[in-house]
Amino acid sequence: MRRLLYIALMLLAASSCGRMPTFRINSLVGKAVQQSLAYSYSYDPVKIKVDSAFAPYDSPEYYGLMLGLYTVSLNIQTYDLNIKSSQLTMDTFEDGVTADERKKFFEAREELQRNVDLKREAIREQRRLAREVNQMEQEYKHFIGYKVEHKYHALDRNLRLRLLSEFFLIDTEVKTVIARYDLNDEIDQVVREMIRQAQEEKPAREFLKDSGEMT
């Protein structure tokens, strides 16, 4: 029954994707999933969606830059909180007269300076990443392979049945999984929303690159 369901899903995808090598894509994704499972026999495909992937927005490099921007923004927020905490401690013990109070004041001042330096470095990194993102967004839109969203049931190592959702990026020749992401991961969801917003605000220029694909 599970096998029949998988075949039906492949046929459905093939009928909707035209010239896409859907059978090969589904087979590659299915094998990749099964090889990664604790119990490969428990693999039960539920839904698969295949589409063409185009750089820059679908590329792993762009995803990595956006992930970097998100990470560094979280770091800056942490440094800001640490700076405020150190400033509060310094204000509390600024007029301290005991040795312990003076020690707390100087420790807070050192921690303040450390976080100021870390924040400065993070801002430099943030600007560098933003420049690289902007450079990639100036690229022409070109075909880089296929993107696949796949939902399936499988047992985890504790024998609990889970519904999993993953994103795969497949190369143009349908031989390799270039990238794989957990769509249930909260960070992944944030990064994909960042990419969606960036794509709406600044779409890449159209360009066909020997792919035969339609934009």
Protein backbone atom coordinates (compact mmCIF):
# COMPACT_ATOMS: atom_id res chain seq x y z
CA MET A 1 0.00 0.00 0.00
CA ARG A 2 2.79 2.39 0.92
CA ARG A 3 4.57 1.61 -2.33
CA LEU A 4 1.39 2.25 -4.34
CA LEU A 5 0.91 5.58 -2.61
CA TYR A 6 4.46 6.62 -3.46
CA ILE A 7 3.96 5.68 -7.14
CA ALA A 8 0.70 7.62 -7.23
CA LEU A 9 2.44 10.68 -5.83
CA MET A 10 5.13 10.45 -8.46
CA LEU A 11 2.57 10.14 -11.25
CA LEU A 12 0.68 13.13 -9.93
CA ALA A 13 3.83 15.23 -9.77
CA ALA A 14 4.88 14.09 -13.24
CA SER A 15 1.58 15.12 -14.77
CA SER A 16 1.88 18.63 -13.30
CA CYS A 17 5.55 19.34 -13.97
CA GLY A 18 5.71 18.80 -17.72
CA ARG A 19 9.26 18.20 -18.85
CA MET A 20 10.66 17.87 -15.35
CA PRO A 21 12.42 14.53 -14.67
CA THR A 22 10.00 13.98 -11.80
CA PHE A 23 10.45 10.23 -11.46
CA ARG A 24 14.21 10.62 -11.08
CA ILE A 25 13.80 13.50 -8.65
CA ASN A 26 11.35 11.57 -6.48
CA SER A 27 13.56 8.50 -6.52
CA LEU A 28 16.61 10.53 -5.49
CA VAL A 29 14.74 12.25 -2.67
CA GLY A 30 13.18 8.99 -1.47
CA LYS A 31 16.54 7.26 -1.30
CA ALA A 32 18.10 10.22 0.53
CA VAL A 33 15.32 10.16 3.12
CA GLN A 34 15.44 6.41 3.67
CA GLN A 35 19.22 6.43 4.07
CA SER A 36 18.93 9.03 6.83
CA LEU A 37 16.20 7.31 8.84
CA ALA A 38 16.79 5.17 11.90
CA TYR A 39 14.21 2.73 10.49
CA SER A 40 14.18 3.02 6.71
CA TYR A 41 11.22 0.64 6.38
CA SER A 42 9.01 3.15 8.21
CA TYR A 43 9.28 5.71 5.39
CA ASP A 44 5.76 6.61 4.29
CA PRO A 45 5.56 9.48 1.74
CA VAL A 46 2.61 11.82 2.14
CA LYS A 47 3.14 14.74 -0.22
CA ILE A 48 5.79 15.90 -2.66
CA LYS A 49 6.01 19.16 -4.59
CA VAL A 50 8.62 19.68 -7.30
CA ASP A 51 9.51 22.96 -8.98
CA SER A 52 12.40 24.54 -10.85
CA ALA A 53 15.02 26.26 -8.71
CA PHE A 54 16.61 29.53 -9.73
CA ALA A 55 19.54 31.51 -8.38
CA PRO A 56 20.00 33.71 -6.57
CA TYR A 57 17.07 33.19 -4.21
CA ASP A 58 16.96 29.38 -4.29
CA SER A 59 20.73 28.92 -4.02
CA PRO A 60 22.35 27.50 -0.86
CA GLU A 61 24.78 30.42 -0.90
CA TYR A 62 21.96 32.96 -0.61
CA TYR A 63 20.33 30.91 2.12
CA GLY A 64 23.64 30.84 3.99
CA LEU A 65 23.98 34.61 3.80
CA MET A 66 20.46 35.12 5.11
CA LEU A 67 21.09 32.65 7.91
CA GLY A 68 24.24 34.58 8.75
CA LEU A 69 22.33 37.86 8.86
CA TYR A 70 19.72 36.36 11.15
CA THR A 71 22.35 34.87 13.45
CA VAL A 72 24.37 38.06 13.70
CA SER A 73 21.22 40.09 14.42
CA LEU A 74 20.47 37.78 17.35
CA ASN A 75 24.04 38.22 18.59
CA ILE A 76 23.72 42.00 18.44
CA GLN A 77 20.53 41.84 20.49
CA THR A 78 22.34 39.72 23.09
CA TYR A 79 25.25 42.15 23.26
CA ASP A 80 22.80 45.05 23.72
CA LEU A 81 21.15 43.28 26.64
CA ASN A 82 24.55 42.53 28.19
CA ILE A 83 25.61 46.16 27.78
CA LYS A 84 22.47 47.40 29.51
CA SER A 85 22.95 44.89 32.32
CA SER A 86 26.57 45.99 32.82
CA GLN A 87 25.58 49.64 32.82
CA LEU A 88 22.95 48.95 35.48
CA THR A 89 25.50 47.14 37.64
CA MET A 90 27.98 49.99 37.24
CA ASP A 91 25.34 52.53 38.22
CA THR A 92 24.50 50.45 41.29
CA PHE A 93 28.08 50.15 42.54
CA GLU A 94 29.59 53.35 41.16
CA ASP A 95 29.72 54.95 44.60
CA GLY A 96 30.52 51.73 46.41
CA VAL A 97 32.95 52.00 49.31
CA THR A 98 33.63 48.37 50.16
CA ALA A 99 36.17 46.24 48.32
CA ASP A 100 33.44 43.90 47.13
CA GLU A 101 31.36 46.75 45.72
CA ARG A 102 34.36 48.21 43.89
CA LYS A 103 35.20 44.77 42.50
CA LYS A 104 31.69 44.39 41.12
CA PHE A 105 31.93 47.84 39.53
CA PHE A 106 35.21 47.09 37.73
CA GLU A 107 34.03 43.64 36.63
CA ALA A 108 30.90 45.19 35.16
CA ARG A 109 33.01 47.80 33.36
CA GLU A 110 35.18 45.09 31.82
CA GLU A 111 32.11 43.13 30.76
CA LEU A 112 30.64 46.29 29.28
CA GLN A 113 33.74 46.93 27.18
CA ARG A 114 33.88 43.29 26.07
CA ASN A 115 30.30 43.40 24.79
CA VAL A 116 30.84 46.78 23.14
CA ASP A 117 33.78 45.28 21.23
CA LEU A 118 31.78 42.18 20.31
CA LYS A 119 28.89 44.30 19.10
CA ARG A 120 31.23 46.39 16.98
CA GLU A 121 32.61 43.24 15.35
CA ALA A 122 29.11 41.89 14.80
CA ILE A 123 27.99 45.11 13.10
CA ARG A 124 30.98 44.90 10.75
CA GLU A 125 30.02 41.30 9.94
CA GLN A 126 26.40 42.32 9.44
CA ARG A 127 27.42 44.99 6.93
CA ARG A 128 29.68 42.54 5.10
CA LEU A 129 26.89 39.99 4.79
CA ALA A 130 24.44 42.66 3.66
CA ARG A 131 26.84 43.71 0.90
CA GLU A 132 27.15 40.10 -0.28
CA VAL A 133 23.38 39.69 -0.24
CA ASN A 134 22.99 42.85 -2.30
CA GLN A 135 25.58 41.62 -4.79
CA MET A 136 23.76 38.31 -5.21
CA GLU A 137 20.45 40.09 -5.69
CA GLN A 138 21.99 41.91 -8.66
CA GLU A 139 22.58 38.60 -10.43
CA TYR A 140 20.48 37.44 -13.32
CA LYS A 141 17.91 34.80 -12.50
CA HIS A 142 19.19 31.47 -13.80
CA PHE A 143 18.25 27.83 -13.52
CA ILE A 144 20.26 25.81 -10.96
CA GLY A 145 18.21 22.63 -10.58
CA TYR A 146 15.05 21.57 -8.80
CA LYS A 147 13.54 22.33 -5.41
CA VAL A 148 11.43 19.75 -3.64
CA GLU A 149 9.14 20.07 -0.64
CA HIS A 150 8.44 16.65 0.83
CA LYS A 151 6.24 15.51 3.70
CA TYR A 152 6.43 12.00 5.01
CA HIS A 153 5.80 9.82 8.05
CA ALA A 154 8.66 7.91 9.68
CA LEU A 155 9.66 6.41 12.99
CA ASP A 156 12.32 8.19 15.01
CA ARG A 157 14.95 6.42 17.13
CA ASN A 158 12.46 6.15 19.99
CA LEU A 159 9.94 4.41 17.72
CA ARG A 160 7.64 7.41 17.68
CA LEU A 161 5.80 8.03 14.43
CA ARG A 162 6.47 11.56 13.22
CA LEU A 163 5.26 13.72 10.36
CA LEU A 164 8.34 15.33 8.86
CA SER A 165 8.63 18.09 6.28
CA GLU A 166 11.83 18.76 4.38
CA PHE A 167 13.16 20.87 1.54
CA PHE A 168 15.62 19.47 -0.98
CA LEU A 169 17.66 21.20 -3.66
CA ILE A 170 18.63 18.89 -6.54
CA ASP A 171 21.31 19.57 -9.16
CA THR A 172 20.40 20.15 -12.81
CA GLU A 173 21.33 16.59 -13.82
CA VAL A 174 19.29 15.06 -10.98
CA LYS A 175 22.26 13.19 -9.59
CA THR A 176 22.94 14.92 -6.29
CA VAL A 177 21.10 16.47 -3.35
CA ILE A 178 22.83 19.85 -3.14
CA ALA A 179 21.11 20.98 0.04
CA ARG A 180 18.56 19.68 2.52
CA TYR A 181 16.62 21.60 5.17
CA ASP A 182 14.13 20.81 7.91
CA LEU A 183 11.02 22.88 7.17
CA ASN A 184 9.78 22.33 10.73
CA ASP A 185 12.84 24.05 12.16
CA GLU A 186 11.98 27.50 13.55
CA ILE A 187 15.20 29.09 12.32
CA ASP A 188 14.65 27.69 8.83
CA GLN A 189 11.16 29.20 8.81
CA VAL A 190 12.55 32.62 9.76
CA VAL A 191 15.25 32.45 7.08
CA ARG A 192 12.73 31.42 4.41
CA GLU A 193 10.49 34.33 5.38
CA MET A 194 13.48 36.66 5.05
CA ILE A 195 14.16 35.26 1.59
CA ARG A 196 10.51 35.62 0.60
CA GLN A 197 10.45 39.26 1.68
CA ALA A 198 13.73 40.00 -0.09
CA GLN A 199 12.43 38.40 -3.28
CA GLU A 200 9.28 40.52 -3.18
CA GLU A 201 11.21 43.71 -2.54
CA LYS A 202 14.00 43.15 -5.05
CA PRO A 203 13.36 40.46 -7.66
CA ALA A 204 16.33 39.22 -9.66
CA ARG A 205 16.58 40.09 -13.33
CA GLU A 206 15.26 37.49 -15.76
CA PHE A 207 17.83 35.43 -17.65
CA LEU A 208 17.73 32.01 -19.28
CA LYS A 209 21.01 30.16 -18.90
CA ASP A 210 21.10 27.23 -21.32
CA SER A 211 18.53 25.41 -19.25
CA GLY A 212 15.55 25.17 -21.52
CA GLU A 213 13.46 26.05 -18.48
CA MET A 214 10.67 28.56 -18.58
CA THR A 215 10.69 31.44 -16.09
